[in-house]
Amino acid sequence: MIIITNDAKKDLFVHSGLFLTFSIALHNFPTGIALGANTHDSLTKPMMTAIMLHNIPEGIAVFTPLLMAGFGIFSIILGATIASAPIGVGAFIGSNYGMGVPWLVAMIIALAMGVMLSVTGKEIFGTALRTSTKIYCVIMAVIGFVLVSFYLFFL
């Protein structure tokens, strides 16, 4: 790890915040392409709702480590903007150039999901396992999976 401050704990938070910011930005670009390439009017509103709702935990994931590292509000807003801007760029590209190849859209969405799965496993869940009890982490993960399954099944 590169030393940025004189405090090892702050360095960890800075590293985590920057890693999450750029990982989420990488995740948001293909998400934007898939959103922009959407040609079905019936899917536009549900996709926009899903993207708006899933950006809330992404924003929390970006600003929490930066806040813990002592960054100011301007830096945190800049980090959130860097993480969110690729959705707009991707949507612009997807809407203007389209994605006439359905398997390519599926691959782009799989790339976006794979990036977030890797980041969640390494940076978020891995850190939680190191700093909390394993049973607590497993219980919280199961609750999260149940809530997501409930949402997908009933709503």
N, C-alpha and C. Protein backbone atom coordinates (compact mmCIF):
# COMPACT_ATOMS: atom_id res chain seq x y z
N MET A 1 0.84 -1.17 0.00
CA MET A 1 0.00 0.00 0.00
C MET A 1 0.89 1.24 0.00
N ILE A 2 0.49 2.24 -0.70
CA ILE A 2 1.22 3.50 -0.76
C ILE A 2 0.85 4.33 0.46
N ILE A 3 1.84 4.92 1.09
CA ILE A 3 1.60 5.75 2.26
C ILE A 3 1.25 7.15 1.79
N ILE A 4 0.09 7.62 2.21
CA ILE A 4 -0.39 8.94 1.80
C ILE A 4 -0.33 9.92 2.97
N THR A 5 -0.64 9.43 4.16
CA THR A 5 -0.60 10.27 5.37
C THR A 5 0.38 9.64 6.36
N ASN A 6 0.47 10.23 7.52
CA ASN A 6 1.32 9.67 8.56
C ASN A 6 0.57 8.69 9.45
N ASP A 7 -0.69 8.45 9.16
CA ASP A 7 -1.53 7.57 9.96
C ASP A 7 -1.91 6.35 9.12
N ALA A 8 -1.52 5.16 9.58
CA ALA A 8 -1.78 3.94 8.81
C ALA A 8 -3.27 3.68 8.64
N LYS A 9 -4.07 4.00 9.65
CA LYS A 9 -5.52 3.77 9.55
C LYS A 9 -6.14 4.70 8.51
N LYS A 10 -5.70 5.97 8.49
CA LYS A 10 -6.21 6.90 7.47
C LYS A 10 -5.78 6.46 6.08
N ASP A 11 -4.55 5.95 5.95
CA ASP A 11 -4.08 5.44 4.66
C ASP A 11 -4.98 4.31 4.17
N LEU A 12 -5.38 3.45 5.08
CA LEU A 12 -6.27 2.34 4.73
C LEU A 12 -7.60 2.87 4.23
N PHE A 13 -8.15 3.88 4.90
CA PHE A 13 -9.42 4.47 4.48
C PHE A 13 -9.29 5.19 3.14
N VAL A 14 -8.18 5.89 2.94
CA VAL A 14 -7.95 6.57 1.66
C VAL A 14 -7.86 5.54 0.54
N HIS A 15 -7.07 4.50 0.76
CA HIS A 15 -6.93 3.43 -0.24
C HIS A 15 -8.28 2.81 -0.54
N SER A 16 -9.04 2.48 0.50
CA SER A 16 -10.35 1.86 0.31
C SER A 16 -11.30 2.78 -0.43
N GLY A 17 -11.34 4.05 -0.04
CA GLY A 17 -12.23 5.01 -0.70
C GLY A 17 -11.91 5.21 -2.16
N LEU A 18 -10.61 5.34 -2.48
CA LEU A 18 -10.22 5.52 -3.88
C LEU A 18 -10.46 4.26 -4.70
N PHE A 19 -10.17 3.10 -4.10
CA PHE A 19 -10.42 1.83 -4.79
C PHE A 19 -11.91 1.67 -5.09
N LEU A 20 -12.75 1.96 -4.11
CA LEU A 20 -14.19 1.85 -4.32
C LEU A 20 -14.69 2.86 -5.35
N THR A 21 -14.17 4.08 -5.29
CA THR A 21 -14.59 5.11 -6.25
C THR A 21 -14.32 4.67 -7.68
N PHE A 22 -13.11 4.22 -7.94
CA PHE A 22 -12.76 3.85 -9.31
C PHE A 22 -13.39 2.51 -9.72
N SER A 23 -13.58 1.61 -8.80
CA SER A 23 -14.26 0.35 -9.11
C SER A 23 -15.73 0.59 -9.45
N ILE A 24 -16.36 1.45 -8.69
CA ILE A 24 -17.77 1.76 -8.97
C ILE A 24 -17.89 2.52 -10.29
N ALA A 25 -16.94 3.40 -10.57
CA ALA A 25 -16.95 4.09 -11.87
C ALA A 25 -16.81 3.09 -13.01
N LEU A 26 -15.91 2.12 -12.85
CA LEU A 26 -15.74 1.07 -13.86
C LEU A 26 -17.03 0.25 -14.01
N HIS A 27 -17.70 0.00 -12.93
CA HIS A 27 -18.97 -0.74 -12.93
C HIS A 27 -20.08 0.09 -13.59
N ASN A 28 -20.08 1.39 -13.36
CA ASN A 28 -21.17 2.23 -13.86
C ASN A 28 -21.12 2.46 -15.37
N PHE A 29 -19.95 2.40 -15.98
CA PHE A 29 -19.86 2.63 -17.42
C PHE A 29 -20.65 1.60 -18.23
N PRO A 30 -20.42 0.28 -18.04
CA PRO A 30 -21.24 -0.68 -18.80
C PRO A 30 -22.71 -0.65 -18.40
N THR A 31 -22.99 -0.28 -17.16
CA THR A 31 -24.39 -0.14 -16.75
C THR A 31 -25.06 0.97 -17.55
N GLY A 32 -24.35 2.08 -17.73
CA GLY A 32 -24.88 3.17 -18.54
C GLY A 32 -25.08 2.78 -20.00
N ILE A 33 -24.14 2.01 -20.54
CA ILE A 33 -24.29 1.55 -21.93
C ILE A 33 -25.55 0.71 -22.07
N ALA A 34 -25.75 -0.22 -21.13
CA ALA A 34 -26.94 -1.07 -21.19
C ALA A 34 -28.21 -0.24 -21.05
N LEU A 35 -28.18 0.76 -20.19
CA LEU A 35 -29.34 1.63 -20.01
C LEU A 35 -29.61 2.44 -21.27
N GLY A 36 -28.56 3.01 -21.86
CA GLY A 36 -28.73 3.82 -23.06
C GLY A 36 -29.15 3.01 -24.27
N ALA A 37 -28.73 1.75 -24.31
CA ALA A 37 -29.07 0.90 -25.46
C ALA A 37 -30.47 0.33 -25.35
N ASN A 38 -31.12 0.54 -24.22
CA ASN A 38 -32.46 0.01 -24.02
C ASN A 38 -33.43 0.67 -25.00
N THR A 39 -34.05 -0.14 -25.82
CA THR A 39 -35.00 0.37 -26.80
C THR A 39 -36.44 0.02 -26.43
N HIS A 40 -36.64 -0.63 -25.31
CA HIS A 40 -37.98 -1.02 -24.89
C HIS A 40 -38.51 0.00 -23.88
N ASP A 41 -39.55 0.73 -24.26
CA ASP A 41 -40.10 1.75 -23.38
C ASP A 41 -40.61 1.16 -22.07
N SER A 42 -41.08 -0.07 -22.10
CA SER A 42 -41.61 -0.68 -20.89
C SER A 42 -40.52 -0.95 -19.86
N LEU A 43 -39.27 -1.02 -20.28
CA LEU A 43 -38.16 -1.28 -19.35
C LEU A 43 -37.48 -0.02 -18.84
N THR A 44 -37.75 1.12 -19.46
CA THR A 44 -37.04 2.33 -19.11
C THR A 44 -37.28 2.74 -17.66
N LYS A 45 -38.54 2.80 -17.24
CA LYS A 45 -38.83 3.25 -15.88
C LYS A 45 -38.30 2.26 -14.83
N PRO A 46 -38.51 0.93 -14.97
CA PRO A 46 -37.93 0.02 -13.97
C PRO A 46 -36.40 0.08 -13.92
N MET A 47 -35.75 0.25 -15.08
CA MET A 47 -34.28 0.33 -15.08
C MET A 47 -33.80 1.59 -14.40
N MET A 48 -34.47 2.71 -14.65
CA MET A 48 -34.08 3.96 -14.00
C MET A 48 -34.28 3.87 -12.48
N THR A 49 -35.39 3.25 -12.06
CA THR A 49 -35.65 3.08 -10.63
C THR A 49 -34.58 2.20 -10.00
N ALA A 50 -34.23 1.11 -10.67
CA ALA A 50 -33.21 0.22 -10.13
C ALA A 50 -31.86 0.93 -10.03
N ILE A 51 -31.50 1.70 -11.04
CA ILE A 51 -30.22 2.41 -11.01
C ILE A 51 -30.21 3.47 -9.92
N MET A 52 -31.32 4.20 -9.77
CA MET A 52 -31.38 5.21 -8.71
C MET A 52 -31.26 4.55 -7.33
N LEU A 53 -31.96 3.44 -7.12
CA LEU A 53 -31.92 2.78 -5.82
C LEU A 53 -30.56 2.13 -5.55
N HIS A 54 -29.93 1.60 -6.57
CA HIS A 54 -28.65 0.94 -6.32
C HIS A 54 -27.50 1.95 -6.21
N ASN A 55 -27.73 3.19 -6.62
CA ASN A 55 -26.70 4.21 -6.44
C ASN A 55 -26.62 4.71 -5.00
N ILE A 56 -27.65 4.50 -4.21
CA ILE A 56 -27.63 4.91 -2.81
C ILE A 56 -26.55 4.15 -2.04
N PRO A 57 -26.56 2.79 -2.06
CA PRO A 57 -25.47 2.10 -1.35
C PRO A 57 -24.10 2.34 -1.97
N GLU A 58 -24.05 2.58 -3.27
CA GLU A 58 -22.76 2.90 -3.89
C GLU A 58 -22.22 4.21 -3.34
N GLY A 59 -23.09 5.20 -3.22
CA GLY A 59 -22.67 6.49 -2.66
C GLY A 59 -22.19 6.34 -1.22
N ILE A 60 -22.91 5.54 -0.45
CA ILE A 60 -22.49 5.29 0.94
C ILE A 60 -21.14 4.59 0.96
N ALA A 61 -20.94 3.64 0.07
CA ALA A 61 -19.67 2.91 0.01
C ALA A 61 -18.51 3.83 -0.36
N VAL A 62 -18.78 4.83 -1.17
CA VAL A 62 -17.72 5.77 -1.58
C VAL A 62 -17.44 6.78 -0.47
N PHE A 63 -18.50 7.38 0.10
CA PHE A 63 -18.22 8.48 1.02
C PHE A 63 -17.81 8.04 2.42
N THR A 64 -18.19 6.85 2.85
CA THR A 64 -17.84 6.43 4.21
C THR A 64 -16.33 6.34 4.44
N PRO A 65 -15.57 5.60 3.61
CA PRO A 65 -14.12 5.58 3.87
C PRO A 65 -13.45 6.93 3.68
N LEU A 66 -13.95 7.72 2.72
CA LEU A 66 -13.36 9.05 2.53
C LEU A 66 -13.64 9.94 3.73
N LEU A 67 -14.83 9.84 4.29
CA LEU A 67 -15.18 10.59 5.49
C LEU A 67 -14.33 10.14 6.67
N MET A 68 -14.12 8.82 6.80
CA MET A 68 -13.31 8.28 7.89
C MET A 68 -11.83 8.69 7.75
N ALA A 69 -11.40 8.95 6.52
CA ALA A 69 -10.02 9.38 6.29
C ALA A 69 -9.83 10.87 6.55
N GLY A 70 -10.94 11.57 6.81
CA GLY A 70 -10.84 13.00 7.11
C GLY A 70 -11.03 13.91 5.91
N PHE A 71 -11.51 13.39 4.81
CA PHE A 71 -11.75 14.23 3.63
C PHE A 71 -12.92 15.17 3.90
N GLY A 72 -12.89 16.33 3.27
CA GLY A 72 -13.97 17.31 3.40
C GLY A 72 -15.13 16.98 2.47
N ILE A 73 -16.20 17.74 2.62
CA ILE A 73 -17.41 17.49 1.84
C ILE A 73 -17.17 17.68 0.35
N PHE A 74 -16.35 18.65 -0.04
CA PHE A 74 -16.06 18.87 -1.45
C PHE A 74 -15.38 17.66 -2.06
N SER A 75 -14.42 17.09 -1.37
CA SER A 75 -13.71 15.90 -1.86
C SER A 75 -14.65 14.70 -1.96
N ILE A 76 -15.55 14.59 -1.01
CA ILE A 76 -16.50 13.47 -1.03
C ILE A 76 -17.47 13.61 -2.20
N ILE A 77 -17.96 14.83 -2.42
CA ILE A 77 -18.85 15.06 -3.57
C ILE A 77 -18.10 14.82 -4.88
N LEU A 78 -16.84 15.22 -4.94
CA LEU A 78 -16.03 14.96 -6.13
C LEU A 78 -15.88 13.45 -6.36
N GLY A 79 -15.63 12.70 -5.30
CA GLY A 79 -15.53 11.24 -5.42
C GLY A 79 -16.83 10.61 -5.90
N ALA A 80 -17.95 11.09 -5.37
CA ALA A 80 -19.25 10.56 -5.81
C ALA A 80 -19.52 10.91 -7.26
N THR A 81 -19.10 12.10 -7.68
CA THR A 81 -19.28 12.51 -9.08
C THR A 81 -18.42 11.66 -10.00
N ILE A 82 -17.18 11.40 -9.60
CA ILE A 82 -16.30 10.55 -10.41
C ILE A 82 -16.89 9.16 -10.54
N ALA A 83 -17.49 8.66 -9.47
CA ALA A 83 -18.07 7.32 -9.52
C ALA A 83 -19.36 7.28 -10.34
N SER A 84 -20.10 8.39 -10.38
CA SER A 84 -21.40 8.40 -11.06
C SER A 84 -21.35 8.84 -12.51
N ALA A 85 -20.41 9.68 -12.89
CA ALA A 85 -20.34 10.23 -14.24
C ALA A 85 -20.30 9.16 -15.34
N PRO A 86 -19.63 8.02 -15.15
CA PRO A 86 -19.61 7.02 -16.23
C PRO A 86 -20.98 6.46 -16.62
N ILE A 87 -21.98 6.55 -15.74
CA ILE A 87 -23.33 6.12 -16.13
C ILE A 87 -23.82 7.01 -17.27
N GLY A 88 -23.66 8.33 -17.12
CA GLY A 88 -24.10 9.25 -18.16
C GLY A 88 -23.33 9.08 -19.45
N VAL A 89 -22.02 8.91 -19.34
CA VAL A 89 -21.19 8.71 -20.54
C VAL A 89 -21.58 7.41 -21.23
N GLY A 90 -21.76 6.35 -20.45
CA GLY A 90 -22.17 5.07 -21.02
C GLY A 90 -23.55 5.13 -21.64
N ALA A 91 -24.48 5.83 -20.98
CA ALA A 91 -25.84 5.97 -21.53
C ALA A 91 -25.81 6.74 -22.84
N PHE A 92 -24.97 7.77 -22.92
CA PHE A 92 -24.83 8.54 -24.16
C PHE A 92 -24.32 7.65 -25.29
N ILE A 93 -23.29 6.87 -25.00
CA ILE A 93 -22.74 5.96 -26.01
C ILE A 93 -23.77 4.90 -26.40
N GLY A 94 -24.43 4.32 -25.41
CA GLY A 94 -25.42 3.28 -25.70
C GLY A 94 -26.59 3.78 -26.51
N SER A 95 -27.05 5.02 -26.22
CA SER A 95 -28.21 5.54 -26.95
C SER A 95 -27.85 6.01 -28.34
N ASN A 96 -26.64 6.52 -28.52
CA ASN A 96 -26.25 7.03 -29.84
C ASN A 96 -25.74 5.95 -30.78
N TYR A 97 -25.11 4.93 -30.23
CA TYR A 97 -24.54 3.90 -31.09
C TYR A 97 -25.29 2.59 -31.00
N GLY A 98 -26.16 2.49 -29.99
CA GLY A 98 -27.00 1.30 -29.86
C GLY A 98 -26.20 0.04 -29.59
N MET A 99 -26.91 -0.97 -29.27
CA MET A 99 -26.30 -2.28 -29.03
C MET A 99 -27.21 -3.31 -29.70
N GLY A 100 -27.09 -3.46 -30.99
CA GLY A 100 -27.95 -4.35 -31.74
C GLY A 100 -27.65 -5.82 -31.51
N VAL A 101 -26.60 -6.12 -30.78
CA VAL A 101 -26.21 -7.50 -30.53
C VAL A 101 -26.58 -7.86 -29.09
N PRO A 102 -27.67 -8.65 -28.90
CA PRO A 102 -28.14 -8.93 -27.54
C PRO A 102 -27.10 -9.60 -26.64
N TRP A 103 -26.27 -10.49 -27.19
CA TRP A 103 -25.28 -11.16 -26.35
C TRP A 103 -24.21 -10.19 -25.86
N LEU A 104 -23.97 -9.13 -26.66
CA LEU A 104 -22.99 -8.13 -26.24
C LEU A 104 -23.51 -7.32 -25.04
N VAL A 105 -24.80 -7.00 -25.07
CA VAL A 105 -25.42 -6.31 -23.92
C VAL A 105 -25.33 -7.20 -22.69
N ALA A 106 -25.60 -8.49 -22.86
CA ALA A 106 -25.51 -9.43 -21.73
C ALA A 106 -24.08 -9.49 -21.20
N MET A 107 -23.10 -9.48 -22.08
CA MET A 107 -21.71 -9.52 -21.65
C MET A 107 -21.33 -8.23 -20.90
N ILE A 108 -21.82 -7.11 -21.37
CA ILE A 108 -21.52 -5.83 -20.72
C ILE A 108 -22.13 -5.80 -19.32
N ILE A 109 -23.36 -6.26 -19.20
CA ILE A 109 -24.00 -6.31 -17.88
C ILE A 109 -23.27 -7.30 -16.98
N ALA A 110 -22.85 -8.43 -17.52
CA ALA A 110 -22.09 -9.41 -16.72
C ALA A 110 -20.76 -8.81 -16.25
N LEU A 111 -20.11 -8.01 -17.09
CA LEU A 111 -18.88 -7.34 -16.69
C LEU A 111 -19.14 -6.39 -15.53
N ALA A 112 -20.20 -5.61 -15.63
CA ALA A 112 -20.54 -4.67 -14.56
C ALA A 112 -20.83 -5.41 -13.26
N MET A 113 -21.55 -6.50 -13.33
CA MET A 113 -21.87 -7.27 -12.12
C MET A 113 -20.62 -7.95 -11.57
N GLY A 114 -19.76 -8.44 -12.43
CA GLY A 114 -18.53 -9.09 -11.99
C GLY A 114 -17.60 -8.15 -11.25
N VAL A 115 -17.49 -6.92 -11.75
CA VAL A 115 -16.66 -5.92 -11.09
C VAL A 115 -17.17 -5.68 -9.68
N MET A 116 -18.47 -5.50 -9.53
CA MET A 116 -19.02 -5.21 -8.20
C MET A 116 -18.94 -6.42 -7.28
N LEU A 117 -19.11 -7.61 -7.82
CA LEU A 117 -18.98 -8.81 -6.99
C LEU A 117 -17.55 -8.94 -6.47
N SER A 118 -16.57 -8.68 -7.31
CA SER A 118 -15.17 -8.75 -6.89
C SER A 118 -14.86 -7.69 -5.83
N VAL A 119 -15.32 -6.48 -6.05
CA VAL A 119 -15.08 -5.40 -5.09
C VAL A 119 -15.78 -5.68 -3.77
N THR A 120 -17.01 -6.15 -3.85
CA THR A 120 -17.76 -6.45 -2.63
C THR A 120 -17.07 -7.54 -1.84
N GLY A 121 -16.63 -8.58 -2.51
CA GLY A 121 -15.96 -9.68 -1.82
C GLY A 121 -14.64 -9.27 -1.20
N LYS A 122 -13.82 -8.51 -1.94
CA LYS A 122 -12.50 -8.14 -1.44
C LYS A 122 -12.55 -6.99 -0.45
N GLU A 123 -13.15 -5.91 -0.88
CA GLU A 123 -13.03 -4.67 -0.12
C GLU A 123 -14.05 -4.55 1.01
N ILE A 124 -15.29 -4.91 0.75
CA ILE A 124 -16.33 -4.68 1.75
C ILE A 124 -16.49 -5.90 2.67
N PHE A 125 -16.80 -7.06 2.09
CA PHE A 125 -17.03 -8.24 2.94
C PHE A 125 -15.73 -8.72 3.57
N GLY A 126 -14.62 -8.63 2.83
CA GLY A 126 -13.33 -9.03 3.39
C GLY A 126 -12.93 -8.19 4.59
N THR A 127 -13.15 -6.89 4.47
CA THR A 127 -12.87 -6.00 5.60
C THR A 127 -13.79 -6.29 6.77
N ALA A 128 -15.05 -6.55 6.48
CA ALA A 128 -16.00 -6.88 7.55
C ALA A 128 -15.58 -8.15 8.27
N LEU A 129 -15.11 -9.15 7.54
CA LEU A 129 -14.65 -10.40 8.17
C LEU A 129 -13.44 -10.17 9.07
N ARG A 130 -12.55 -9.26 8.66
CA ARG A 130 -11.36 -8.98 9.47
C ARG A 130 -11.67 -8.16 10.71
N THR A 131 -12.71 -7.33 10.66
CA THR A 131 -12.97 -6.41 11.77
C THR A 131 -14.16 -6.79 12.62
N SER A 132 -14.88 -7.84 12.27
CA SER A 132 -16.06 -8.25 13.03
C SER A 132 -16.03 -9.77 13.20
N THR A 133 -17.02 -10.29 13.92
CA THR A 133 -17.08 -11.74 14.09
C THR A 133 -17.60 -12.37 12.81
N LYS A 134 -17.15 -13.56 12.52
CA LYS A 134 -17.56 -14.25 11.31
C LYS A 134 -19.05 -14.59 11.32
N ILE A 135 -19.59 -14.97 12.46
CA ILE A 135 -21.00 -15.31 12.53
C ILE A 135 -21.87 -14.10 12.25
N TYR A 136 -21.47 -12.93 12.75
CA TYR A 136 -22.21 -11.71 12.48
C TYR A 136 -22.20 -11.40 10.98
N CYS A 137 -21.05 -11.54 10.34
CA CYS A 137 -20.95 -11.29 8.89
C CYS A 137 -21.82 -12.26 8.10
N VAL A 138 -21.82 -13.52 8.49
CA VAL A 138 -22.64 -14.52 7.79
C VAL A 138 -24.12 -14.21 7.97
N ILE A 139 -24.51 -13.85 9.19
CA ILE A 139 -25.92 -13.53 9.45
C ILE A 139 -26.35 -12.32 8.62
N MET A 140 -25.52 -11.28 8.58
CA MET A 140 -25.86 -10.09 7.80
C MET A 140 -25.90 -10.40 6.30
N ALA A 141 -24.99 -11.24 5.82
CA ALA A 141 -25.00 -11.62 4.41
C ALA A 141 -26.28 -12.40 4.07
N VAL A 142 -26.68 -13.31 4.93
CA VAL A 142 -27.90 -14.09 4.70
C VAL A 142 -29.11 -13.16 4.70
N ILE A 143 -29.16 -12.23 5.66
CA ILE A 143 -30.28 -11.27 5.68
C ILE A 143 -30.31 -10.46 4.39
N GLY A 144 -29.16 -10.03 3.92
CA GLY A 144 -29.09 -9.29 2.66
C GLY A 144 -29.58 -10.11 1.48
N PHE A 145 -29.15 -11.36 1.40
CA PHE A 145 -29.60 -12.23 0.31
C PHE A 145 -31.10 -12.47 0.38
N VAL A 146 -31.64 -12.65 1.58
CA VAL A 146 -33.08 -12.87 1.75
C VAL A 146 -33.85 -11.63 1.31
N LEU A 147 -33.39 -10.44 1.70
CA LEU A 147 -34.07 -9.22 1.30
C LEU A 147 -34.04 -9.02 -0.22
N VAL A 148 -32.90 -9.26 -0.83
CA VAL A 148 -32.81 -9.14 -2.29
C VAL A 148 -33.71 -10.17 -2.96
N SER A 149 -33.70 -11.40 -2.48
CA SER A 149 -34.56 -12.44 -3.04
C SER A 149 -36.02 -12.08 -2.89
N PHE A 150 -36.41 -11.55 -1.73
CA PHE A 150 -37.78 -11.13 -1.52
C PHE A 150 -38.16 -10.03 -2.50
N TYR A 151 -37.27 -9.07 -2.67
CA TYR A 151 -37.52 -7.98 -3.61
C TYR A 151 -37.70 -8.52 -5.04
N LEU A 152 -36.80 -9.39 -5.46
CA LEU A 152 -36.86 -9.92 -6.82
C LEU A 152 -38.07 -10.82 -7.05
N PHE A 153 -38.48 -11.54 -6.03
CA PHE A 153 -39.57 -12.50 -6.18
C PHE A 153 -40.94 -11.82 -6.09
N PHE A 154 -41.10 -10.87 -5.17
CA PHE A 154 -42.43 -10.34 -4.90
C PHE A 154 -42.69 -8.96 -5.53
N LEU A 155 -41.68 -8.24 -5.89
CA LEU A 155 -41.94 -6.88 -6.42
C LEU A 155 -41.72 -6.81 -7.90
